[in-house]
Amino acid sequence: MKNTAFAAAKYLPALTAMTLFGSAFAQEAAGGDAGATAAGLKAIGAGLALGLGAVGTGLAQGPIGAAAAGVVAERPEKFGQMAIWFFIPETLVIFGFVGFFLLRG
């Protein structure tokens, strides 16, 4: 099985360069746009908080759900315990919602 970490690592230098050098060539905003820039950055932060929380939950629940289904198939009495383990990653989305509403509020 191919290691996806090494496959994704080949994009890291390009992403780093775009992140660092993109701000170097950015133009300074006019004096009256400071409020609009702050509101835009708050919206981006709120979207990232919710979106990355959801992505993290999805990545965590995939393997946990597969393992929990296997355990419950063999030992049905473990359903409650496996449900708890399955729902723990949902806290990432809850924290994302909290961050979203704090930034949007």
PDB file of N, CA and C in Angstrom:
ATOM      1  N   MET A   1       0.845  -1.178   0.000  1.00  0.00           N
ATOM      2  CA  MET A   1       0.000   0.000   0.000  1.00  0.00           C
ATOM      3  C   MET A   1       0.888   1.238   0.000  1.00  0.00           C
ATOM      4  N   LYS A   2       0.573   2.173  -0.839  1.00  0.00           N
ATOM      5  CA  LYS A   2       1.393   3.361  -0.992  1.00  0.00           C
ATOM      6  C   LYS A   2       1.173   4.302   0.194  1.00  0.00           C
ATOM      7  N   ASN A   3       2.262   4.856   0.683  1.00  0.00           N
ATOM      8  CA  ASN A   3       2.175   5.774   1.811  1.00  0.00           C
ATOM      9  C   ASN A   3       1.716   7.140   1.306  1.00  0.00           C
ATOM     10  N   THR A   4       0.558   7.566   1.733  1.00  0.00           N
ATOM     11  CA  THR A   4      -0.004   8.821   1.236  1.00  0.00           C
ATOM     12  C   THR A   4       0.713  10.034   1.809  1.00  0.00           C
ATOM     13  N   ALA A   5       1.382   9.877   2.956  1.00  0.00           N
ATOM     14  CA  ALA A   5       2.110  11.008   3.525  1.00  0.00           C
ATOM     15  C   ALA A   5       3.250  11.419   2.605  1.00  0.00           C
ATOM     16  N   PHE A   6       3.954  10.448   2.051  1.00  0.00           N
ATOM     17  CA  PHE A   6       5.041  10.773   1.137  1.00  0.00           C
ATOM     18  C   PHE A   6       4.503  11.307  -0.184  1.00  0.00           C
ATOM     19  N   ALA A   7       3.358  10.827  -0.602  1.00  0.00           N
ATOM     20  CA  ALA A   7       2.759  11.320  -1.843  1.00  0.00           C
ATOM     21  C   ALA A   7       2.319  12.771  -1.687  1.00  0.00           C
ATOM     22  N   ALA A   8       1.794  13.119  -0.522  1.00  0.00           N
ATOM     23  CA  ALA A   8       1.350  14.490  -0.285  1.00  0.00           C
ATOM     24  C   ALA A   8       2.519  15.420   0.006  1.00  0.00           C
ATOM     25  N   ALA A   9       3.641  14.883   0.473  1.00  0.00           N
ATOM     26  CA  ALA A   9       4.787  15.714   0.835  1.00  0.00           C
ATOM     27  C   ALA A   9       5.429  16.378  -0.372  1.00  0.00           C
ATOM     28  N   LYS A  10       5.218  15.869  -1.553  1.00  0.00           N
ATOM     29  CA  LYS A  10       5.828  16.493  -2.724  1.00  0.00           C
ATOM     30  C   LYS A  10       5.193  17.840  -3.048  1.00  0.00           C
ATOM     31  N   TYR A  11       4.008  18.093  -2.516  1.00  0.00           N
ATOM     32  CA  TYR A  11       3.351  19.376  -2.730  1.00  0.00           C
ATOM     33  C   TYR A  11       3.721  20.405  -1.661  1.00  0.00           C
ATOM     34  N   LEU A  12       4.387  19.990  -0.606  1.00  0.00           N
ATOM     35  CA  LEU A  12       4.694  20.876   0.511  1.00  0.00           C
ATOM     36  C   LEU A  12       5.571  22.061   0.119  1.00  0.00           C
ATOM     37  N   PRO A  13       6.646  21.900  -0.655  1.00  0.00           N
ATOM     38  CA  PRO A  13       7.441  23.083  -1.024  1.00  0.00           C
ATOM     39  C   PRO A  13       6.646  24.114  -1.826  1.00  0.00           C
ATOM     40  N   ALA A  14       5.804  23.652  -2.730  1.00  0.00           N
ATOM     41  CA  ALA A  14       5.007  24.596  -3.518  1.00  0.00           C
ATOM     42  C   ALA A  14       4.003  25.331  -2.638  1.00  0.00           C
ATOM     43  N   LEU A  15       3.363  24.619  -1.722  1.00  0.00           N
ATOM     44  CA  LEU A  15       2.409  25.267  -0.828  1.00  0.00           C
ATOM     45  C   LEU A  15       3.102  26.262   0.091  1.00  0.00           C
ATOM     46  N   THR A  16       4.289  25.915   0.565  1.00  0.00           N
ATOM     47  CA  THR A  16       5.047  26.825   1.418  1.00  0.00           C
ATOM     48  C   THR A  16       5.432  28.081   0.651  1.00  0.00           C
ATOM     49  N   ALA A  17       5.897  27.907  -0.572  1.00  0.00           N
ATOM     50  CA  ALA A  17       6.282  29.066  -1.383  1.00  0.00           C
ATOM     51  C   ALA A  17       5.082  29.960  -1.662  1.00  0.00           C
ATOM     52  N   MET A  18       3.940  29.370  -1.982  1.00  0.00           N
ATOM     53  CA  MET A  18       2.751  30.183  -2.252  1.00  0.00           C
ATOM     54  C   MET A  18       2.306  30.939  -1.005  1.00  0.00           C
ATOM     55  N   THR A  19       2.436  30.303   0.142  1.00  0.00           N
ATOM     56  CA  THR A  19       2.020  30.950   1.379  1.00  0.00           C
ATOM     57  C   THR A  19       2.938  32.108   1.734  1.00  0.00           C
ATOM     58  N   LEU A  20       4.241  31.884   1.651  1.00  0.00           N
ATOM     59  CA  LEU A  20       5.191  32.914   2.057  1.00  0.00           C
ATOM     60  C   LEU A  20       5.312  34.040   1.038  1.00  0.00           C
ATOM     61  N   PHE A  21       5.406  33.704  -0.234  1.00  0.00           N
ATOM     62  CA  PHE A  21       5.660  34.717  -1.245  1.00  0.00           C
ATOM     63  C   PHE A  21       4.387  35.394  -1.726  1.00  0.00           C
ATOM     64  N   GLY A  22       3.251  34.796  -1.482  1.00  0.00           N
ATOM     65  CA  GLY A  22       1.999  35.429  -1.887  1.00  0.00           C
ATOM     66  C   GLY A  22       1.757  36.726  -1.138  1.00  0.00           C
ATOM     67  N   SER A  23       2.098  36.761   0.143  1.00  0.00           N
ATOM     68  CA  SER A  23       1.907  37.980   0.913  1.00  0.00           C
ATOM     69  C   SER A  23       2.971  39.019   0.593  1.00  0.00           C
ATOM     70  N   ALA A  24       4.125  38.609   0.094  1.00  0.00           N
ATOM     71  CA  ALA A  24       5.181  39.561  -0.241  1.00  0.00           C
ATOM     72  C   ALA A  24       4.785  40.426  -1.429  1.00  0.00           C
ATOM     73  N   PHE A  25       4.025  39.890  -2.363  1.00  0.00           N
ATOM     74  CA  PHE A  25       3.635  40.634  -3.548  1.00  0.00           C
ATOM     75  C   PHE A  25       2.247  41.263  -3.428  1.00  0.00           C
ATOM     76  N   ALA A  26       1.629  41.141  -2.282  1.00  0.00           N
ATOM     77  CA  ALA A  26       0.298  41.715  -2.094  1.00  0.00           C
ATOM     78  C   ALA A  26       0.399  43.226  -1.968  1.00  0.00           C
ATOM     79  N   GLN A  27      -0.596  43.911  -2.479  1.00  0.00           N
ATOM     80  CA  GLN A  27      -0.611  45.362  -2.378  1.00  0.00           C
ATOM     81  C   GLN A  27      -1.264  45.768  -1.073  1.00  0.00           C
ATOM     82  N   GLU A  28      -0.833  46.901  -0.576  1.00  0.00           N
ATOM     83  CA  GLU A  28      -1.409  47.406   0.660  1.00  0.00           C
ATOM     84  C   GLU A  28      -2.797  47.969   0.367  1.00  0.00           C
ATOM     85  N   ALA A  29      -3.734  47.669   1.249  1.00  0.00           N
ATOM     86  CA  ALA A  29      -5.101  48.138   1.056  1.00  0.00           C
ATOM     87  C   ALA A  29      -5.185  49.633   1.334  1.00  0.00           C
ATOM     88  N   ALA A  30      -6.166  50.272   0.739  1.00  0.00           N
ATOM     89  CA  ALA A  30      -6.387  51.692   0.988  1.00  0.00           C
ATOM     90  C   ALA A  30      -6.819  51.889   2.429  1.00  0.00           C
ATOM     91  N   GLY A  31      -6.695  53.093   2.926  1.00  0.00           N
ATOM     92  CA  GLY A  31      -6.970  53.379   4.327  1.00  0.00           C
ATOM     93  C   GLY A  31      -8.387  53.064   4.761  1.00  0.00           C
ATOM     94  N   GLY A  32      -9.369  53.192   3.895  1.00  0.00           N
ATOM     95  CA  GLY A  32     -10.754  52.964   4.273  1.00  0.00           C
ATOM     96  C   GLY A  32     -11.186  51.511   4.233  1.00  0.00           C
ATOM     97  N   ASP A  33     -10.337  50.613   3.801  1.00  0.00           N
ATOM     98  CA  ASP A  33     -10.714  49.210   3.648  1.00  0.00           C
ATOM     99  C   ASP A  33     -10.351  48.341   4.845  1.00  0.00           C
ATOM    100  N   ALA A  34      -9.888  48.946   5.928  1.00  0.00           N
ATOM    101  CA  ALA A  34      -9.445  48.149   7.073  1.00  0.00           C
ATOM    102  C   ALA A  34     -10.606  47.363   7.686  1.00  0.00           C
ATOM    103  N   GLY A  35     -11.778  47.968   7.761  1.00  0.00           N
ATOM    104  CA  GLY A  35     -12.932  47.268   8.327  1.00  0.00           C
ATOM    105  C   GLY A  35     -13.393  46.122   7.454  1.00  0.00           C
ATOM    106  N   ALA A  36     -13.349  46.329   6.143  1.00  0.00           N
ATOM    107  CA  ALA A  36     -13.752  45.268   5.220  1.00  0.00           C
ATOM    108  C   ALA A  36     -12.760  44.113   5.259  1.00  0.00           C
ATOM    109  N   THR A  37     -11.480  44.437   5.393  1.00  0.00           N
ATOM    110  CA  THR A  37     -10.464  43.388   5.475  1.00  0.00           C
ATOM    111  C   THR A  37     -10.641  42.573   6.748  1.00  0.00           C
ATOM    112  N   ALA A  38     -10.898  43.243   7.859  1.00  0.00           N
ATOM    113  CA  ALA A  38     -11.090  42.532   9.123  1.00  0.00           C
ATOM    114  C   ALA A  38     -12.323  41.628   9.058  1.00  0.00           C
ATOM    115  N   ALA A  39     -13.389  42.121   8.457  1.00  0.00           N
ATOM    116  CA  ALA A  39     -14.602  41.304   8.336  1.00  0.00           C
ATOM    117  C   ALA A  39     -14.357  40.110   7.425  1.00  0.00           C
ATOM    118  N   GLY A  40     -13.600  40.311   6.361  1.00  0.00           N
ATOM    119  CA  GLY A  40     -13.286  39.206   5.463  1.00  0.00           C
ATOM    120  C   GLY A  40     -12.426  38.150   6.133  1.00  0.00           C
ATOM    121  N   LEU A  41     -11.451  38.598   6.917  1.00  0.00           N
ATOM    122  CA  LEU A  41     -10.596  37.638   7.624  1.00  0.00           C
ATOM    123  C   LEU A  41     -11.375  36.877   8.697  1.00  0.00           C
ATOM    124  N   LYS A  42     -12.326  37.555   9.343  1.00  0.00           N
ATOM    125  CA  LYS A  42     -13.171  36.852  10.311  1.00  0.00           C
ATOM    126  C   LYS A  42     -14.010  35.784   9.626  1.00  0.00           C
ATOM    127  N   ALA A  43     -14.523  36.102   8.447  1.00  0.00           N
ATOM    128  CA  ALA A  43     -15.330  35.124   7.709  1.00  0.00           C
ATOM    129  C   ALA A  43     -14.482  33.936   7.270  1.00  0.00           C
ATOM    130  N   ILE A  44     -13.262  34.192   6.828  1.00  0.00           N
ATOM    131  CA  ILE A  44     -12.367  33.097   6.441  1.00  0.00           C
ATOM    132  C   ILE A  44     -12.032  32.235   7.652  1.00  0.00           C
ATOM    133  N   GLY A  45     -11.753  32.872   8.781  1.00  0.00           N
ATOM    134  CA  GLY A  45     -11.450  32.118   9.995  1.00  0.00           C
ATOM    135  C   GLY A  45     -12.624  31.272  10.456  1.00  0.00           C
ATOM    136  N   ALA A  46     -13.829  31.824  10.361  1.00  0.00           N
ATOM    137  CA  ALA A  46     -15.015  31.064  10.752  1.00  0.00           C
ATOM    138  C   ALA A  46     -15.218  29.868   9.831  1.00  0.00           C
ATOM    139  N   GLY A  47     -15.025  30.082   8.546  1.00  0.00           N
ATOM    140  CA  GLY A  47     -15.163  28.974   7.596  1.00  0.00           C
ATOM    141  C   GLY A  47     -14.122  27.898   7.817  1.00  0.00           C
ATOM    142  N   LEU A  48     -12.887  28.309   8.096  1.00  0.00           N
ATOM    143  CA  LEU A  48     -11.834  27.325   8.366  1.00  0.00           C
ATOM    144  C   LEU A  48     -12.108  26.551   9.650  1.00  0.00           C
ATOM    145  N   ALA A  49     -12.607  27.241  10.677  1.00  0.00           N
ATOM    146  CA  ALA A  49     -12.897  26.552  11.935  1.00  0.00           C
ATOM    147  C   ALA A  49     -13.930  25.453  11.734  1.00  0.00           C
ATOM    148  N   LEU A  50     -14.976  25.763  11.012  1.00  0.00           N
ATOM    149  CA  LEU A  50     -16.025  24.771  10.785  1.00  0.00           C
ATOM    150  C   LEU A  50     -15.582  23.712   9.779  1.00  0.00           C
ATOM    151  N   GLY A  51     -14.958  24.126   8.699  1.00  0.00           N
ATOM    152  CA  GLY A  51     -14.565  23.183   7.649  1.00  0.00           C
ATOM    153  C   GLY A  51     -13.493  22.209   8.090  1.00  0.00           C
ATOM    154  N   LEU A  52     -12.457  22.708   8.755  1.00  0.00           N
ATOM    155  CA  LEU A  52     -11.383  21.811   9.189  1.00  0.00           C
ATOM    156  C   LEU A  52     -11.844  20.897  10.322  1.00  0.00           C
ATOM    157  N   GLY A  53     -12.755  21.393  11.161  1.00  0.00           N
ATOM    158  CA  GLY A  53     -13.323  20.512  12.185  1.00  0.00           C
ATOM    159  C   GLY A  53     -14.103  19.364  11.569  1.00  0.00           C
ATOM    160  N   ALA A  54     -14.841  19.660  10.510  1.00  0.00           N
ATOM    161  CA  ALA A  54     -15.607  18.612   9.828  1.00  0.00           C
ATOM    162  C   ALA A  54     -14.690  17.629   9.108  1.00  0.00           C
ATOM    163  N   VAL A  55     -13.623  18.125   8.497  1.00  0.00           N
ATOM    164  CA  VAL A  55     -12.677  17.231   7.822  1.00  0.00           C
ATOM    165  C   VAL A  55     -11.990  16.321   8.836  1.00  0.00           C
ATOM    166  N   GLY A  56     -11.582  16.890   9.969  1.00  0.00           N
ATOM    167  CA  GLY A  56     -10.950  16.078  11.009  1.00  0.00           C
ATOM    168  C   GLY A  56     -11.877  15.007  11.548  1.00  0.00           C
ATOM    169  N   THR A  57     -13.139  15.356  11.708  1.00  0.00           N
ATOM    170  CA  THR A  57     -14.113  14.371  12.162  1.00  0.00           C
ATOM    171  C   THR A  57     -14.285  13.255  11.150  1.00  0.00           C
ATOM    172  N   GLY A  58     -14.370  13.611   9.893  1.00  0.00           N
ATOM    173  CA  GLY A  58     -14.524  12.593   8.850  1.00  0.00           C
ATOM    174  C   GLY A  58     -13.339  11.656   8.782  1.00  0.00           C
ATOM    175  N   LEU A  59     -12.138  12.215   8.902  1.00  0.00           N
ATOM    176  CA  LEU A  59     -10.938  11.375   8.869  1.00  0.00           C
ATOM    177  C   LEU A  59     -10.858  10.452  10.084  1.00  0.00           C
ATOM    178  N   ALA A  60     -11.336  10.923  11.217  1.00  0.00           N
ATOM    179  CA  ALA A  60     -11.267  10.100  12.427  1.00  0.00           C
ATOM    180  C   ALA A  60     -12.358   9.039  12.461  1.00  0.00           C
ATOM    181  N   GLN A  61     -13.561   9.396  12.013  1.00  0.00           N
ATOM    182  CA  GLN A  61     -14.672   8.466  12.146  1.00  0.00           C
ATOM    183  C   GLN A  61     -14.637   7.323  11.146  1.00  0.00           C
ATOM    184  N   GLY A  62     -13.933   7.472  10.061  1.00  0.00           N
ATOM    185  CA  GLY A  62     -13.866   6.388   9.081  1.00  0.00           C
ATOM    186  C   GLY A  62     -13.292   5.105   9.660  1.00  0.00           C
ATOM    187  N   PRO A  63     -12.046   5.128  10.139  1.00  0.00           N
ATOM    188  CA  PRO A  63     -11.474   3.902  10.714  1.00  0.00           C
ATOM    189  C   PRO A  63     -12.170   3.457  12.003  1.00  0.00           C
ATOM    190  N   ILE A  64     -12.610   4.436  12.802  1.00  0.00           N
ATOM    191  CA  ILE A  64     -13.287   4.073  14.048  1.00  0.00           C
ATOM    192  C   ILE A  64     -14.599   3.360  13.745  1.00  0.00           C
ATOM    193  N   GLY A  65     -15.345   3.853  12.772  1.00  0.00           N
ATOM    194  CA  GLY A  65     -16.618   3.226  12.411  1.00  0.00           C
ATOM    195  C   GLY A  65     -16.438   1.826  11.869  1.00  0.00           C
ATOM    196  N   ALA A  66     -15.395   1.628  11.066  1.00  0.00           N
ATOM    197  CA  ALA A  66     -15.139   0.294  10.525  1.00  0.00           C
ATOM    198  C   ALA A  66     -14.783  -0.685  11.640  1.00  0.00           C
ATOM    199  N   ALA A  67     -13.941  -0.236  12.559  1.00  0.00           N
ATOM    200  CA  ALA A  67     -13.559  -1.108  13.668  1.00  0.00           C
ATOM    201  C   ALA A  67     -14.749  -1.376  14.590  1.00  0.00           C
ATOM    202  N   ALA A  68     -15.554  -0.349  14.840  1.00  0.00           N
ATOM    203  CA  ALA A  68     -16.718  -0.524  15.710  1.00  0.00           C
ATOM    204  C   ALA A  68     -17.728  -1.477  15.094  1.00  0.00           C
ATOM    205  N   ALA A  69     -17.921  -1.403  13.790  1.00  0.00           N
ATOM    206  CA  ALA A  69     -18.850  -2.323  13.130  1.00  0.00           C
ATOM    207  C   ALA A  69     -18.372  -3.761  13.266  1.00  0.00           C
ATOM    208  N   GLY A  70     -17.067  -3.969  13.169  1.00  0.00           N
ATOM    209  CA  GLY A  70     -16.524  -5.315  13.337  1.00  0.00           C
ATOM    210  C   GLY A  70     -16.704  -5.841  14.745  1.00  0.00           C
ATOM    211  N   VAL A  71     -16.477  -4.974  15.732  1.00  0.00           N
ATOM    212  CA  VAL A  71     -16.632  -5.403  17.128  1.00  0.00           C
ATOM    213  C   VAL A  71     -18.090  -5.728  17.426  1.00  0.00           C
ATOM    214  N   VAL A  72     -19.009  -4.871  16.987  1.00  0.00           N
ATOM    215  CA  VAL A  72     -20.433  -5.091  17.270  1.00  0.00           C
ATOM    216  C   VAL A  72     -20.948  -6.326  16.537  1.00  0.00           C
ATOM    217  N   ALA A  73     -20.397  -6.623  15.369  1.00  0.00           N
ATOM    218  CA  ALA A  73     -20.820  -7.826  14.647  1.00  0.00           C
ATOM    219  C   ALA A  73     -20.442  -9.085  15.413  1.00  0.00           C
ATOM    220  N   GLU A  74     -19.294  -9.053  16.082  1.00  0.00           N
ATOM    221  CA  GLU A  74     -18.855 -10.227  16.835  1.00  0.00           C
ATOM    222  C   GLU A  74     -19.413 -10.259  18.251  1.00  0.00           C
ATOM    223  N   ARG A  75     -19.546  -9.074  18.867  1.00  0.00           N
ATOM    224  CA  ARG A  75     -20.021  -9.003  20.255  1.00  0.00           C
ATOM    225  C   ARG A  75     -21.052  -7.882  20.373  1.00  0.00           C
ATOM    226  N   PRO A  76     -22.328  -8.181  20.144  1.00  0.00           N
ATOM    227  CA  PRO A  76     -23.368  -7.138  20.156  1.00  0.00           C
ATOM    228  C   PRO A  76     -23.499  -6.403  21.489  1.00  0.00           C
ATOM    229  N   GLU A  77     -23.070  -7.004  22.574  1.00  0.00           N
ATOM    230  CA  GLU A  77     -23.188  -6.344  23.877  1.00  0.00           C
ATOM    231  C   GLU A  77     -22.238  -5.147  24.007  1.00  0.00           C
ATOM    232  N   LYS A  78     -21.293  -5.004  23.104  1.00  0.00           N
ATOM    233  CA  LYS A  78     -20.340  -3.892  23.129  1.00  0.00           C
ATOM    234  C   LYS A  78     -20.839  -2.671  22.344  1.00  0.00           C
ATOM    235  N   PHE A  79     -22.111  -2.676  21.931  1.00  0.00           N
ATOM    236  CA  PHE A  79     -22.625  -1.588  21.100  1.00  0.00           C
ATOM    237  C   PHE A  79     -22.503  -0.232  21.790  1.00  0.00           C
ATOM    238  N   GLY A  80     -22.870  -0.151  23.059  1.00  0.00           N
ATOM    239  CA  GLY A  80     -22.816   1.126  23.782  1.00  0.00           C
ATOM    240  C   GLY A  80     -21.407   1.681  23.871  1.00  0.00           C
ATOM    241  N   GLN A  81     -20.461   0.808  24.177  1.00  0.00           N
ATOM    242  CA  GLN A  81     -19.073   1.239  24.280  1.00  0.00           C
ATOM    243  C   GLN A  81     -18.539   1.695  22.916  1.00  0.00           C
ATOM    244  N   MET A  82     -18.882   0.981  21.879  1.00  0.00           N
ATOM    245  CA  MET A  82     -18.418   1.360  20.542  1.00  0.00           C
ATOM    246  C   MET A  82     -19.092   2.648  20.064  1.00  0.00           C
ATOM    247  N   ALA A  83     -20.347   2.867  20.469  1.00  0.00           N
ATOM    248  CA  ALA A  83     -21.030   4.108  20.097  1.00  0.00           C
ATOM    249  C   ALA A  83     -20.336   5.308  20.728  1.00  0.00           C
ATOM    250  N   ILE A  84     -19.888   5.161  21.975  1.00  0.00           N
ATOM    251  CA  ILE A  84     -19.159   6.251  22.632  1.00  0.00           C
ATOM    252  C   ILE A  84     -17.881   6.566  21.867  1.00  0.00           C
ATOM    253  N   TRP A  85     -17.128   5.531  21.497  1.00  0.00           N
ATOM    254  CA  TRP A  85     -15.890   5.753  20.741  1.00  0.00           C
ATOM    255  C   TRP A  85     -16.183   6.369  19.371  1.00  0.00           C
ATOM    256  N   PHE A  86     -17.321   6.021  18.798  1.00  0.00           N
ATOM    257  CA  PHE A  86     -17.673   6.567  17.493  1.00  0.00           C
ATOM    258  C   PHE A  86     -18.061   8.040  17.585  1.00  0.00           C
ATOM    259  N   PHE A  87     -18.689   8.440  18.683  1.00  0.00           N
ATOM    260  CA  PHE A  87     -19.166   9.815  18.810  1.00  0.00           C
ATOM    261  C   PHE A  87     -18.124  10.775  19.361  1.00  0.00           C
ATOM    262  N   ILE A  88     -17.029  10.295  19.909  1.00  0.00           N
ATOM    263  CA  ILE A  88     -16.000  11.186  20.455  1.00  0.00           C
ATOM    264  C   ILE A  88     -15.450  12.147  19.397  1.00  0.00           C
ATOM    265  N   PRO A  89     -15.159  11.724  18.168  1.00  0.00           N
ATOM    266  CA  PRO A  89     -14.655  12.695  17.183  1.00  0.00           C
ATOM    267  C   PRO A  89     -15.654  13.793  16.815  1.00  0.00           C
ATOM    268  N   GLU A  90     -16.922  13.609  17.116  1.00  0.00           N
ATOM    269  CA  GLU A  90     -17.909  14.652  16.829  1.00  0.00           C
ATOM    270  C   GLU A  90     -17.629  15.922  17.614  1.00  0.00           C
ATOM    271  N   THR A  91     -16.847  15.819  18.694  1.00  0.00           N
ATOM    272  CA  THR A  91     -16.513  17.026  19.448  1.00  0.00           C
ATOM    273  C   THR A  91     -15.718  18.001  18.590  1.00  0.00           C
ATOM    274  N   LEU A  92     -14.991  17.505  17.589  1.00  0.00           N
ATOM    275  CA  LEU A  92     -14.267  18.414  16.696  1.00  0.00           C
ATOM    276  C   LEU A  92     -15.229  19.322  15.936  1.00  0.00           C
ATOM    277  N   VAL A  93     -16.333  18.774  15.487  1.00  0.00           N
ATOM    278  CA  VAL A  93     -17.316  19.598  14.776  1.00  0.00           C
ATOM    279  C   VAL A  93     -18.001  20.550  15.744  1.00  0.00           C
ATOM    280  N   ILE A  94     -18.258  20.096  16.956  1.00  0.00           N
ATOM    281  CA  ILE A  94     -18.878  20.976  17.950  1.00  0.00           C
ATOM    282  C   ILE A  94     -17.959  22.153  18.250  1.00  0.00           C
ATOM    283  N   PHE A  95     -16.658  21.886  18.423  1.00  0.00           N
ATOM    284  CA  PHE A  95     -15.713  22.979  18.641  1.00  0.00           C
ATOM    285  C   PHE A  95     -15.640  23.886  17.417  1.00  0.00           C
ATOM    286  N   GLY A  96     -15.751  23.309  16.231  1.00  0.00           N
ATOM    287  CA  GLY A  96     -15.780  24.117  15.013  1.00  0.00           C
ATOM    288  C   GLY A  96     -16.992  25.027  14.969  1.00  0.00           C
ATOM    289  N   PHE A  97     -18.155  24.503  15.370  1.00  0.00           N
ATOM    290  CA  PHE A  97     -19.361  25.336  15.431  1.00  0.00           C
ATOM    291  C   PHE A  97     -19.199  26.455  16.452  1.00  0.00           C
ATOM    292  N   VAL A  98     -18.610  26.147  17.600  1.00  0.00           N
ATOM    293  CA  VAL A  98     -18.403  27.179  18.620  1.00  0.00           C
ATOM    294  C   VAL A  98     -17.498  28.278  18.073  1.00  0.00           C
ATOM    295  N   GLY A  99     -16.393  27.880  17.448  1.00  0.00           N
ATOM    296  CA  GLY A  99     -15.505  28.873  16.849  1.00  0.00           C
ATOM    297  C   GLY A  99     -16.188  29.664  15.749  1.00  0.00           C
ATOM    298  N   PHE A 100     -17.000  28.987  14.955  1.00  0.00           N
ATOM    299  CA  PHE A 100     -17.739  29.651  13.877  1.00  0.00           C
ATOM    300  C   PHE A 100     -18.651  30.731  14.434  1.00  0.00           C
ATOM    301  N   PHE A 101     -19.423  30.384  15.453  1.00  0.00           N
ATOM    302  CA  PHE A 101     -20.370  31.354  15.988  1.00  0.00           C
ATOM    303  C   PHE A 101     -19.681  32.449  16.793  1.00  0.00           C
ATOM    304  N   LEU A 102     -18.543  32.147  17.418  1.00  0.00           N
ATOM    305  CA  LEU A 102     -17.808  33.202  18.111  1.00  0.00           C
ATOM    306  C   LEU A 102     -17.223  34.207  17.118  1.00  0.00           C
ATOM    307  N   LEU A 103     -16.729  33.720  16.005  1.00  0.00           N
ATOM    308  CA  LEU A 103     -16.150  34.627  15.018  1.00  0.00           C
ATOM    309  C   LEU A 103     -17.212  35.376  14.222  1.00  0.00           C
ATOM    310  N   ARG A 104     -18.342  34.744  13.986  1.00  0.00           N
ATOM    311  CA  ARG A 104     -19.402  35.395  13.216  1.00  0.00           C
ATOM    312  C   ARG A 104     -20.261  36.316  14.080  1.00  0.00           C
ATOM    313  N   GLY A 105     -20.273  36.081  15.398  1.00  0.00           N
ATOM    314  CA  GLY A 105     -21.151  36.817  16.298  1.00  0.00           C
ATOM    315  C   GLY A 105     -20.750  38.230  16.461  1.00  0.00           C
TER     316      GLY A 105
END
